[in-house]
């Protein structure tokens, strides 16, 4: 409660990237590659 929340992933040989986030105000964001597939 009151925190920004996120899921990151790190693929083989890749840098860690943010794939999905849920901000304190309730707004959610997704990286383009998972948009429409991840929730």
ModelCIF file with pLDDT and N, C-alpha, C, O atoms, coordinates in Angstrom:
data_MODEL
#
_entry.id   MODEL 
#
_entity.id                         1 
_entity.type                       polymer 
_entity.pdbx_number_of_molecules   1 
#
_entity_poly.entity_id                      1 
_entity_poly.type                           'polypeptide(L)' 
_entity_poly.nstd_linkage                   no 
_entity_poly.nstd_monomer                   no 
_entity_poly.pdbx_seq_one_letter_code       
;(UNK)(UNK)(UNK)(UNK)(UNK)(UNK)(UNK)(UNK)(UNK)(UNK)(UNK)(UNK)(UNK)(UNK)(UNK)(UNK)
(UNK)(UNK)(UNK)(UNK)(UNK)(UNK)(UNK)(UNK)(UNK)(UNK)(UNK)(UNK)(UNK)(UNK)(UNK)(UNK)
(UNK)(UNK)(UNK)(UNK)(UNK)(UNK)(UNK)
;
_entity_poly.pdbx_seq_one_letter_code_can   XXXXXXXXXXXXXXXXXXXXXXXXXXXXXXXXXXXXXXX 
_entity_poly.pdbx_strand_id                 A 
#
loop_
_entity_poly_seq.entity_id 
_entity_poly_seq.num 
_entity_poly_seq.mon_id 
_entity_poly_seq.hetero 
1 1  UNK n 
1 2  UNK n 
1 3  UNK n 
1 4  UNK n 
1 5  UNK n 
1 6  UNK n 
1 7  UNK n 
1 8  UNK n 
1 9  UNK n 
1 10 UNK n 
1 11 UNK n 
1 12 UNK n 
1 13 UNK n 
1 14 UNK n 
1 15 UNK n 
1 16 UNK n 
1 17 UNK n 
1 18 UNK n 
1 19 UNK n 
1 20 UNK n 
1 21 UNK n 
1 22 UNK n 
1 23 UNK n 
1 24 UNK n 
1 25 UNK n 
1 26 UNK n 
1 27 UNK n 
1 28 UNK n 
1 29 UNK n 
1 30 UNK n 
1 31 UNK n 
1 32 UNK n 
1 33 UNK n 
1 34 UNK n 
1 35 UNK n 
1 36 UNK n 
1 37 UNK n 
1 38 UNK n 
1 39 UNK n 
#
_struct_asym.id          A 
_struct_asym.entity_id   1 
#
loop_
_ma_qa_metric.id 
_ma_qa_metric.mode 
_ma_qa_metric.name 
_ma_qa_metric.software_group_id 
_ma_qa_metric.type 
1 global pLDDT . pLDDT 
2 local  pLDDT . pLDDT 
#
_ma_qa_metric_global.metric_id      1 
_ma_qa_metric_global.metric_value   94.05 
_ma_qa_metric_global.model_id       1 
_ma_qa_metric_global.ordinal_id     1 
#
loop_
_ma_qa_metric_local.label_asym_id 
_ma_qa_metric_local.label_comp_id 
_ma_qa_metric_local.label_seq_id 
_ma_qa_metric_local.metric_id 
_ma_qa_metric_local.metric_value 
_ma_qa_metric_local.model_id 
_ma_qa_metric_local.ordinal_id 
A UNK 1  2 81.00 1 1  
A UNK 2  2 84.00 1 2  
A UNK 3  2 89.00 1 3  
A UNK 4  2 92.00 1 4  
A UNK 5  2 94.00 1 5  
A UNK 6  2 95.00 1 6  
A UNK 7  2 97.00 1 7  
A UNK 8  2 98.00 1 8  
A UNK 9  2 98.00 1 9  
A UNK 10 2 98.00 1 10 
A UNK 11 2 96.00 1 11 
A UNK 12 2 94.00 1 12 
A UNK 13 2 95.00 1 13 
A UNK 14 2 96.00 1 14 
A UNK 15 2 97.00 1 15 
A UNK 16 2 97.00 1 16 
A UNK 17 2 97.00 1 17 
A UNK 18 2 97.00 1 18 
A UNK 19 2 98.00 1 19 
A UNK 20 2 98.00 1 20 
A UNK 21 2 96.00 1 21 
A UNK 22 2 93.00 1 22 
A UNK 23 2 89.00 1 23 
A UNK 24 2 84.00 1 24 
A UNK 25 2 75.00 1 25 
A UNK 26 2 83.00 1 26 
A UNK 27 2 91.00 1 27 
A UNK 28 2 95.00 1 28 
A UNK 29 2 97.00 1 29 
A UNK 30 2 98.00 1 30 
A UNK 31 2 97.00 1 31 
A UNK 32 2 97.00 1 32 
A UNK 33 2 97.00 1 33 
A UNK 34 2 98.00 1 34 
A UNK 35 2 97.00 1 35 
A UNK 36 2 97.00 1 36 
A UNK 37 2 98.00 1 37 
A UNK 38 2 98.00 1 38 
A UNK 39 2 97.00 1 39 
#
loop_
_atom_site.group_PDB 
_atom_site.id 
_atom_site.type_symbol 
_atom_site.label_atom_id 
_atom_site.label_alt_id 
_atom_site.label_comp_id 
_atom_site.label_asym_id 
_atom_site.label_entity_id 
_atom_site.label_seq_id 
_atom_site.pdbx_PDB_ins_code 
_atom_site.Cartn_x 
_atom_site.Cartn_y 
_atom_site.Cartn_z 
_atom_site.occupancy 
_atom_site.B_iso_or_equiv 
_atom_site.pdbx_formal_charge 
_atom_site.auth_seq_id 
_atom_site.auth_comp_id 
_atom_site.auth_asym_id 
_atom_site.auth_atom_id 
_atom_site.pdbx_PDB_model_num 
ATOM 1   N N  . UNK A 1 1  ? 0.843  -1.186  0.000   1.00 81.00 ? 1  UNK A N  1 
ATOM 2   C CA . UNK A 1 1  ? 0.000  0.000   0.000   1.00 81.00 ? 1  UNK A CA 1 
ATOM 3   C C  . UNK A 1 1  ? 0.886  1.247   0.000   1.00 81.00 ? 1  UNK A C  1 
ATOM 4   O O  . UNK A 1 1  ? 1.797  1.375   0.817   1.00 81.00 ? 1  UNK A O  1 
ATOM 5   N N  . UNK A 1 2  ? 0.610  2.136   -0.904  1.00 84.00 ? 2  UNK A N  1 
ATOM 6   C CA . UNK A 1 2  ? 1.376  3.377   -0.981  1.00 84.00 ? 2  UNK A CA 1 
ATOM 7   C C  . UNK A 1 2  ? 2.707  3.244   -1.684  1.00 84.00 ? 2  UNK A C  1 
ATOM 8   O O  . UNK A 1 2  ? 3.516  4.172   -1.678  1.00 84.00 ? 2  UNK A O  1 
ATOM 9   N N  . UNK A 1 3  ? 2.942  2.068   -2.302  1.00 89.00 ? 3  UNK A N  1 
ATOM 10  C CA . UNK A 1 3  ? 4.219  1.843   -2.988  1.00 89.00 ? 3  UNK A CA 1 
ATOM 11  C C  . UNK A 1 3  ? 4.016  1.769   -4.492  1.00 89.00 ? 3  UNK A C  1 
ATOM 12  O O  . UNK A 1 3  ? 2.955  1.378   -4.980  1.00 89.00 ? 3  UNK A O  1 
ATOM 13  N N  . UNK A 1 4  ? 5.058  2.152   -5.211  1.00 92.00 ? 4  UNK A N  1 
ATOM 14  C CA . UNK A 1 4  ? 5.111  1.818   -6.634  1.00 92.00 ? 4  UNK A CA 1 
ATOM 15  C C  . UNK A 1 4  ? 5.556  0.356   -6.735  1.00 92.00 ? 4  UNK A C  1 
ATOM 16  O O  . UNK A 1 4  ? 6.478  -0.070  -6.040  1.00 92.00 ? 4  UNK A O  1 
ATOM 17  N N  . UNK A 1 5  ? 4.905  -0.388  -7.588  1.00 94.00 ? 5  UNK A N  1 
ATOM 18  C CA . UNK A 1 5  ? 5.200  -1.813  -7.734  1.00 94.00 ? 5  UNK A CA 1 
ATOM 19  C C  . UNK A 1 5  ? 5.584  -2.118  -9.165  1.00 94.00 ? 5  UNK A C  1 
ATOM 20  O O  . UNK A 1 5  ? 5.063  -1.507  -10.099 1.00 94.00 ? 5  UNK A O  1 
ATOM 21  N N  . UNK A 1 6  ? 6.487  -3.054  -9.337  1.00 95.00 ? 6  UNK A N  1 
ATOM 22  C CA . UNK A 1 6  ? 6.893  -3.384  -10.695 1.00 95.00 ? 6  UNK A CA 1 
ATOM 23  C C  . UNK A 1 6  ? 7.419  -4.799  -10.817 1.00 95.00 ? 6  UNK A C  1 
ATOM 24  O O  . UNK A 1 6  ? 7.868  -5.408  -9.845  1.00 95.00 ? 6  UNK A O  1 
ATOM 25  N N  . UNK A 1 7  ? 7.352  -5.297  -12.017 1.00 97.00 ? 7  UNK A N  1 
ATOM 26  C CA . UNK A 1 7  ? 7.972  -6.568  -12.370 1.00 97.00 ? 7  UNK A CA 1 
ATOM 27  C C  . UNK A 1 7  ? 9.041  -6.283  -13.428 1.00 97.00 ? 7  UNK A C  1 
ATOM 28  O O  . UNK A 1 7  ? 8.767  -5.678  -14.464 1.00 97.00 ? 7  UNK A O  1 
ATOM 29  N N  . UNK A 1 8  ? 10.252 -6.728  -13.142 1.00 98.00 ? 8  UNK A N  1 
ATOM 30  C CA . UNK A 1 8  ? 11.365 -6.628  -14.070 1.00 98.00 ? 8  UNK A CA 1 
ATOM 31  C C  . UNK A 1 8  ? 11.714 -8.039  -14.541 1.00 98.00 ? 8  UNK A C  1 
ATOM 32  O O  . UNK A 1 8  ? 11.351 -9.027  -13.902 1.00 98.00 ? 8  UNK A O  1 
ATOM 33  N N  . UNK A 1 9  ? 12.407 -8.114  -15.644 1.00 98.00 ? 9  UNK A N  1 
ATOM 34  C CA . UNK A 1 9  ? 12.927 -9.406  -16.065 1.00 98.00 ? 9  UNK A CA 1 
ATOM 35  C C  . UNK A 1 9  ? 14.316 -9.211  -16.675 1.00 98.00 ? 9  UNK A C  1 
ATOM 36  O O  . UNK A 1 9  ? 14.659 -8.150  -17.195 1.00 98.00 ? 9  UNK A O  1 
ATOM 37  N N  . UNK A 1 10 ? 15.087 -10.280 -16.583 1.00 98.00 ? 10 UNK A N  1 
ATOM 38  C CA . UNK A 1 10 ? 16.411 -10.287 -17.183 1.00 98.00 ? 10 UNK A CA 1 
ATOM 39  C C  . UNK A 1 10 ? 16.560 -11.566 -17.994 1.00 98.00 ? 10 UNK A C  1 
ATOM 40  O O  . UNK A 1 10 ? 16.680 -12.657 -17.438 1.00 98.00 ? 10 UNK A O  1 
ATOM 41  N N  . UNK A 1 11 ? 16.551 -11.417 -19.311 1.00 96.00 ? 11 UNK A N  1 
ATOM 42  C CA . UNK A 1 11 ? 16.719 -12.549 -20.199 1.00 96.00 ? 11 UNK A CA 1 
ATOM 43  C C  . UNK A 1 11 ? 18.176 -12.935 -20.335 1.00 96.00 ? 11 UNK A C  1 
ATOM 44  O O  . UNK A 1 11 ? 19.050 -12.169 -19.929 1.00 96.00 ? 11 UNK A O  1 
ATOM 45  N N  . UNK A 1 12 ? 18.466 -14.098 -20.893 1.00 94.00 ? 12 UNK A N  1 
ATOM 46  C CA . UNK A 1 12 ? 19.851 -14.553 -21.070 1.00 94.00 ? 12 UNK A CA 1 
ATOM 47  C C  . UNK A 1 12 ? 20.667 -13.551 -21.885 1.00 94.00 ? 12 UNK A C  1 
ATOM 48  O O  . UNK A 1 12 ? 20.306 -13.229 -23.017 1.00 94.00 ? 12 UNK A O  1 
ATOM 49  N N  . UNK A 1 13 ? 21.757 -13.062 -21.314 1.00 95.00 ? 13 UNK A N  1 
ATOM 50  C CA . UNK A 1 13 ? 22.614 -12.128 -22.009 1.00 95.00 ? 13 UNK A CA 1 
ATOM 51  C C  . UNK A 1 13 ? 22.042 -10.738 -22.181 1.00 95.00 ? 13 UNK A C  1 
ATOM 52  O O  . UNK A 1 13 ? 22.569 -9.936  -22.952 1.00 95.00 ? 13 UNK A O  1 
ATOM 53  N N  . UNK A 1 14 ? 20.963 -10.447 -21.464 1.00 96.00 ? 14 UNK A N  1 
ATOM 54  C CA . UNK A 1 14 ? 20.313 -9.143  -21.600 1.00 96.00 ? 14 UNK A CA 1 
ATOM 55  C C  . UNK A 1 14 ? 20.348 -8.372  -20.292 1.00 96.00 ? 14 UNK A C  1 
ATOM 56  O O  . UNK A 1 14 ? 20.587 -8.935  -19.223 1.00 96.00 ? 14 UNK A O  1 
ATOM 57  N N  . UNK A 1 15 ? 20.106 -7.084  -20.398 1.00 97.00 ? 15 UNK A N  1 
ATOM 58  C CA . UNK A 1 15 ? 19.999 -6.262  -19.200 1.00 97.00 ? 15 UNK A CA 1 
ATOM 59  C C  . UNK A 1 15 ? 18.611 -6.407  -18.585 1.00 97.00 ? 15 UNK A C  1 
ATOM 60  O O  . UNK A 1 15 ? 17.644 -6.753  -19.264 1.00 97.00 ? 15 UNK A O  1 
ATOM 61  N N  . UNK A 1 16 ? 18.537 -6.140  -17.308 1.00 97.00 ? 16 UNK A N  1 
ATOM 62  C CA . UNK A 1 16 ? 17.244 -6.177  -16.633 1.00 97.00 ? 16 UNK A CA 1 
ATOM 63  C C  . UNK A 1 16 ? 16.368 -5.055  -17.167 1.00 97.00 ? 16 UNK A C  1 
ATOM 64  O O  . UNK A 1 16 ? 16.818 -3.918  -17.314 1.00 97.00 ? 16 UNK A O  1 
ATOM 65  N N  . UNK A 1 17 ? 15.110 -5.383  -17.457 1.00 97.00 ? 17 UNK A N  1 
ATOM 66  C CA . UNK A 1 17 ? 14.184 -4.378  -17.977 1.00 97.00 ? 17 UNK A CA 1 
ATOM 67  C C  . UNK A 1 17 ? 12.874 -4.419  -17.199 1.00 97.00 ? 17 UNK A C  1 
ATOM 68  O O  . UNK A 1 17 ? 12.455 -5.458  -16.690 1.00 97.00 ? 17 UNK A O  1 
ATOM 69  N N  . UNK A 1 18 ? 12.248 -3.259  -17.127 1.00 97.00 ? 18 UNK A N  1 
ATOM 70  C CA . UNK A 1 18 ? 10.932 -3.160  -16.500 1.00 97.00 ? 18 UNK A CA 1 
ATOM 71  C C  . UNK A 1 18 ? 9.884  -3.626  -17.502 1.00 97.00 ? 18 UNK A C  1 
ATOM 72  O O  . UNK A 1 18 ? 9.824  -3.103  -18.615 1.00 97.00 ? 18 UNK A O  1 
ATOM 73  N N  . UNK A 1 19 ? 9.062  -4.594  -17.130 1.00 98.00 ? 19 UNK A N  1 
ATOM 74  C CA . UNK A 1 19 ? 8.032  -5.070  -18.044 1.00 98.00 ? 19 UNK A CA 1 
ATOM 75  C C  . UNK A 1 19 ? 6.637  -4.592  -17.652 1.00 98.00 ? 19 UNK A C  1 
ATOM 76  O O  . UNK A 1 19 ? 5.775  -4.439  -18.517 1.00 98.00 ? 19 UNK A O  1 
ATOM 77  N N  . UNK A 1 20 ? 6.402  -4.356  -16.370 1.00 98.00 ? 20 UNK A N  1 
ATOM 78  C CA . UNK A 1 20 ? 5.079  -3.914  -15.943 1.00 98.00 ? 20 UNK A CA 1 
ATOM 79  C C  . UNK A 1 20 ? 5.202  -3.157  -14.630 1.00 98.00 ? 20 UNK A C  1 
ATOM 80  O O  . UNK A 1 20 ? 6.015  -3.507  -13.775 1.00 98.00 ? 20 UNK A O  1 
ATOM 81  N N  . UNK A 1 21 ? 4.396  -2.124  -14.479 1.00 96.00 ? 21 UNK A N  1 
ATOM 82  C CA . UNK A 1 21 ? 4.428  -1.360  -13.244 1.00 96.00 ? 21 UNK A CA 1 
ATOM 83  C C  . UNK A 1 21 ? 3.021  -0.931  -12.851 1.00 96.00 ? 21 UNK A C  1 
ATOM 84  O O  . UNK A 1 21 ? 2.139  -0.746  -13.689 1.00 96.00 ? 21 UNK A O  1 
ATOM 85  N N  . UNK A 1 22 ? 2.852  -0.782  -11.546 1.00 93.00 ? 22 UNK A N  1 
ATOM 86  C CA . UNK A 1 22 ? 1.601  -0.307  -10.969 1.00 93.00 ? 22 UNK A CA 1 
ATOM 87  C C  . UNK A 1 22 ? 1.986  0.823   -10.024 1.00 93.00 ? 22 UNK A C  1 
ATOM 88  O O  . UNK A 1 22 ? 2.559  0.595   -8.958  1.00 93.00 ? 22 UNK A O  1 
ATOM 89  N N  . UNK A 1 23 ? 1.658  2.054   -10.437 1.00 89.00 ? 23 UNK A N  1 
ATOM 90  C CA . UNK A 1 23 ? 2.090  3.204   -9.685  1.00 89.00 ? 23 UNK A CA 1 
ATOM 91  C C  . UNK A 1 23 ? 1.139  3.481   -8.529  1.00 89.00 ? 23 UNK A C  1 
ATOM 92  O O  . UNK A 1 23 ? 0.024  2.959   -8.493  1.00 89.00 ? 23 UNK A O  1 
ATOM 93  N N  . UNK A 1 24 ? 1.580  4.297   -7.597  1.00 84.00 ? 24 UNK A N  1 
ATOM 94  C CA . UNK A 1 24 ? 0.795  4.588   -6.380  1.00 84.00 ? 24 UNK A CA 1 
ATOM 95  C C  . UNK A 1 24 ? -0.603 5.082   -6.710  1.00 84.00 ? 24 UNK A C  1 
ATOM 96  O O  . UNK A 1 24 ? -1.552 4.773   -5.989  1.00 84.00 ? 24 UNK A O  1 
ATOM 97  N N  . UNK A 1 25 ? -0.743 5.845   -7.791  1.00 75.00 ? 25 UNK A N  1 
ATOM 98  C CA . UNK A 1 25 ? -2.057 6.364   -8.147  1.00 75.00 ? 25 UNK A CA 1 
ATOM 99  C C  . UNK A 1 25 ? -2.931 5.361   -8.860  1.00 75.00 ? 25 UNK A C  1 
ATOM 100 O O  . UNK A 1 25 ? -4.069 5.673   -9.210  1.00 75.00 ? 25 UNK A O  1 
ATOM 101 N N  . UNK A 1 26 ? -2.421 4.153   -9.084  1.00 83.00 ? 26 UNK A N  1 
ATOM 102 C CA . UNK A 1 26 ? -3.192 3.098   -9.729  1.00 83.00 ? 26 UNK A CA 1 
ATOM 103 C C  . UNK A 1 26 ? -2.915 2.938   -11.214 1.00 83.00 ? 26 UNK A C  1 
ATOM 104 O O  . UNK A 1 26 ? -3.435 2.016   -11.842 1.00 83.00 ? 26 UNK A O  1 
ATOM 105 N N  . UNK A 1 27 ? -2.110 3.816   -11.782 1.00 91.00 ? 27 UNK A N  1 
ATOM 106 C CA . UNK A 1 27 ? -1.825 3.718   -13.216 1.00 91.00 ? 27 UNK A CA 1 
ATOM 107 C C  . UNK A 1 27 ? -0.900 2.544   -13.467 1.00 91.00 ? 27 UNK A C  1 
ATOM 108 O O  . UNK A 1 27 ? 0.062  2.331   -12.728 1.00 91.00 ? 27 UNK A O  1 
ATOM 109 N N  . UNK A 1 28 ? -1.190 1.787   -14.506 1.00 95.00 ? 28 UNK A N  1 
ATOM 110 C CA . UNK A 1 28 ? -0.341 0.668   -14.892 1.00 95.00 ? 28 UNK A CA 1 
ATOM 111 C C  . UNK A 1 28 ? 0.338  0.974   -16.221 1.00 95.00 ? 28 UNK A C  1 
ATOM 112 O O  . UNK A 1 28 ? -0.221 1.656   -17.080 1.00 95.00 ? 28 UNK A O  1 
ATOM 113 N N  . UNK A 1 29 ? 1.545  0.461   -16.370 1.00 97.00 ? 29 UNK A N  1 
ATOM 114 C CA . UNK A 1 29 ? 2.302  0.640   -17.597 1.00 97.00 ? 29 UNK A CA 1 
ATOM 115 C C  . UNK A 1 29 ? 2.985  -0.674  -17.976 1.00 97.00 ? 29 UNK A C  1 
ATOM 116 O O  . UNK A 1 29 ? 3.339  -1.481  -17.117 1.00 97.00 ? 29 UNK A O  1 
ATOM 117 N N  . UNK A 1 30 ? 3.158  -0.864  -19.276 1.00 98.00 ? 30 UNK A N  1 
ATOM 118 C CA . UNK A 1 30 ? 3.776  -2.087  -19.778 1.00 98.00 ? 30 UNK A CA 1 
ATOM 119 C C  . UNK A 1 30 ? 4.772  -1.748  -20.882 1.00 98.00 ? 30 UNK A C  1 
ATOM 120 O O  . UNK A 1 30 ? 4.583  -0.808  -21.654 1.00 98.00 ? 30 UNK A O  1 
ATOM 121 N N  . UNK A 1 31 ? 5.825  -2.533  -20.931 1.00 97.00 ? 31 UNK A N  1 
ATOM 122 C CA . UNK A 1 31 ? 6.734  -2.406  -22.063 1.00 97.00 ? 31 UNK A CA 1 
ATOM 123 C C  . UNK A 1 31 ? 6.002  -2.909  -23.303 1.00 97.00 ? 31 UNK A C  1 
ATOM 124 O O  . UNK A 1 31 ? 5.155  -3.797  -23.213 1.00 97.00 ? 31 UNK A O  1 
ATOM 125 N N  . UNK A 1 32 ? 6.328  -2.343  -24.448 1.00 97.00 ? 32 UNK A N  1 
ATOM 126 C CA . UNK A 1 32 ? 5.576  -2.657  -25.673 1.00 97.00 ? 32 UNK A CA 1 
ATOM 127 C C  . UNK A 1 32 ? 5.528  -4.152  -25.964 1.00 97.00 ? 32 UNK A C  1 
ATOM 128 O O  . UNK A 1 32 ? 4.519  -4.653  -26.461 1.00 97.00 ? 32 UNK A O  1 
ATOM 129 N N  . UNK A 1 33 ? 6.592  -4.859  -25.662 1.00 97.00 ? 33 UNK A N  1 
ATOM 130 C CA . UNK A 1 33 ? 6.672  -6.277  -26.036 1.00 97.00 ? 33 UNK A CA 1 
ATOM 131 C C  . UNK A 1 33 ? 5.693  -7.161  -25.273 1.00 97.00 ? 33 UNK A C  1 
ATOM 132 O O  . UNK A 1 33 ? 5.431  -8.289  -25.690 1.00 97.00 ? 33 UNK A O  1 
ATOM 133 N N  . UNK A 1 34 ? 5.143  -6.663  -24.151 1.00 98.00 ? 34 UNK A N  1 
ATOM 134 C CA . UNK A 1 34 ? 4.206  -7.481  -23.372 1.00 98.00 ? 34 UNK A CA 1 
ATOM 135 C C  . UNK A 1 34 ? 2.812  -6.862  -23.332 1.00 98.00 ? 34 UNK A C  1 
ATOM 136 O O  . UNK A 1 34 ? 1.881  -7.459  -22.791 1.00 98.00 ? 34 UNK A O  1 
ATOM 137 N N  . UNK A 1 35 ? 2.667  -5.675  -23.898 1.00 97.00 ? 35 UNK A N  1 
ATOM 138 C CA . UNK A 1 35 ? 1.370  -5.001  -23.901 1.00 97.00 ? 35 UNK A CA 1 
ATOM 139 C C  . UNK A 1 35 ? 0.293  -5.921  -24.483 1.00 97.00 ? 35 UNK A C  1 
ATOM 140 O O  . UNK A 1 35 ? 0.461  -6.489  -25.562 1.00 97.00 ? 35 UNK A O  1 
ATOM 141 N N  . UNK A 1 36 ? -0.807 -6.054  -23.753 1.00 97.00 ? 36 UNK A N  1 
ATOM 142 C CA . UNK A 1 36 ? -1.903 -6.897  -24.220 1.00 97.00 ? 36 UNK A CA 1 
ATOM 143 C C  . UNK A 1 36 ? -1.761 -8.362  -23.853 1.00 97.00 ? 36 UNK A C  1 
ATOM 144 O O  . UNK A 1 36 ? -2.702 -9.138  -24.020 1.00 97.00 ? 36 UNK A O  1 
ATOM 145 N N  . UNK A 1 37 ? -0.598 -8.747  -23.355 1.00 98.00 ? 37 UNK A N  1 
ATOM 146 C CA . UNK A 1 37 ? -0.382 -10.154 -22.965 1.00 98.00 ? 37 UNK A CA 1 
ATOM 147 C C  . UNK A 1 37 ? -0.168 -10.312 -21.461 1.00 98.00 ? 37 UNK A C  1 
ATOM 148 O O  . UNK A 1 37 ? -0.541 -11.340 -20.895 1.00 98.00 ? 37 UNK A O  1 
ATOM 149 N N  . UNK A 1 38 ? 0.417  -9.330  -20.816 1.00 98.00 ? 38 UNK A N  1 
ATOM 150 C CA . UNK A 1 38 ? 0.708  -9.377  -19.388 1.00 98.00 ? 38 UNK A CA 1 
ATOM 151 C C  . UNK A 1 38 ? -0.222 -8.420  -18.651 1.00 98.00 ? 38 UNK A C  1 
ATOM 152 O O  . UNK A 1 38 ? -0.616 -7.384  -19.186 1.00 98.00 ? 38 UNK A O  1 
ATOM 153 N N  . UNK A 1 39 ? -0.567 -8.779  -17.417 1.00 97.00 ? 39 UNK A N  1 
ATOM 154 C CA . UNK A 1 39 ? -1.385 -7.922  -16.577 1.00 97.00 ? 39 UNK A CA 1 
ATOM 155 C C  . UNK A 1 39 ? -0.819 -7.909  -15.166 1.00 97.00 ? 39 UNK A C  1 
ATOM 156 O O  . UNK A 1 39 ? -1.365 -7.240  -14.289 1.00 97.00 ? 39 UNK A O  1 
#
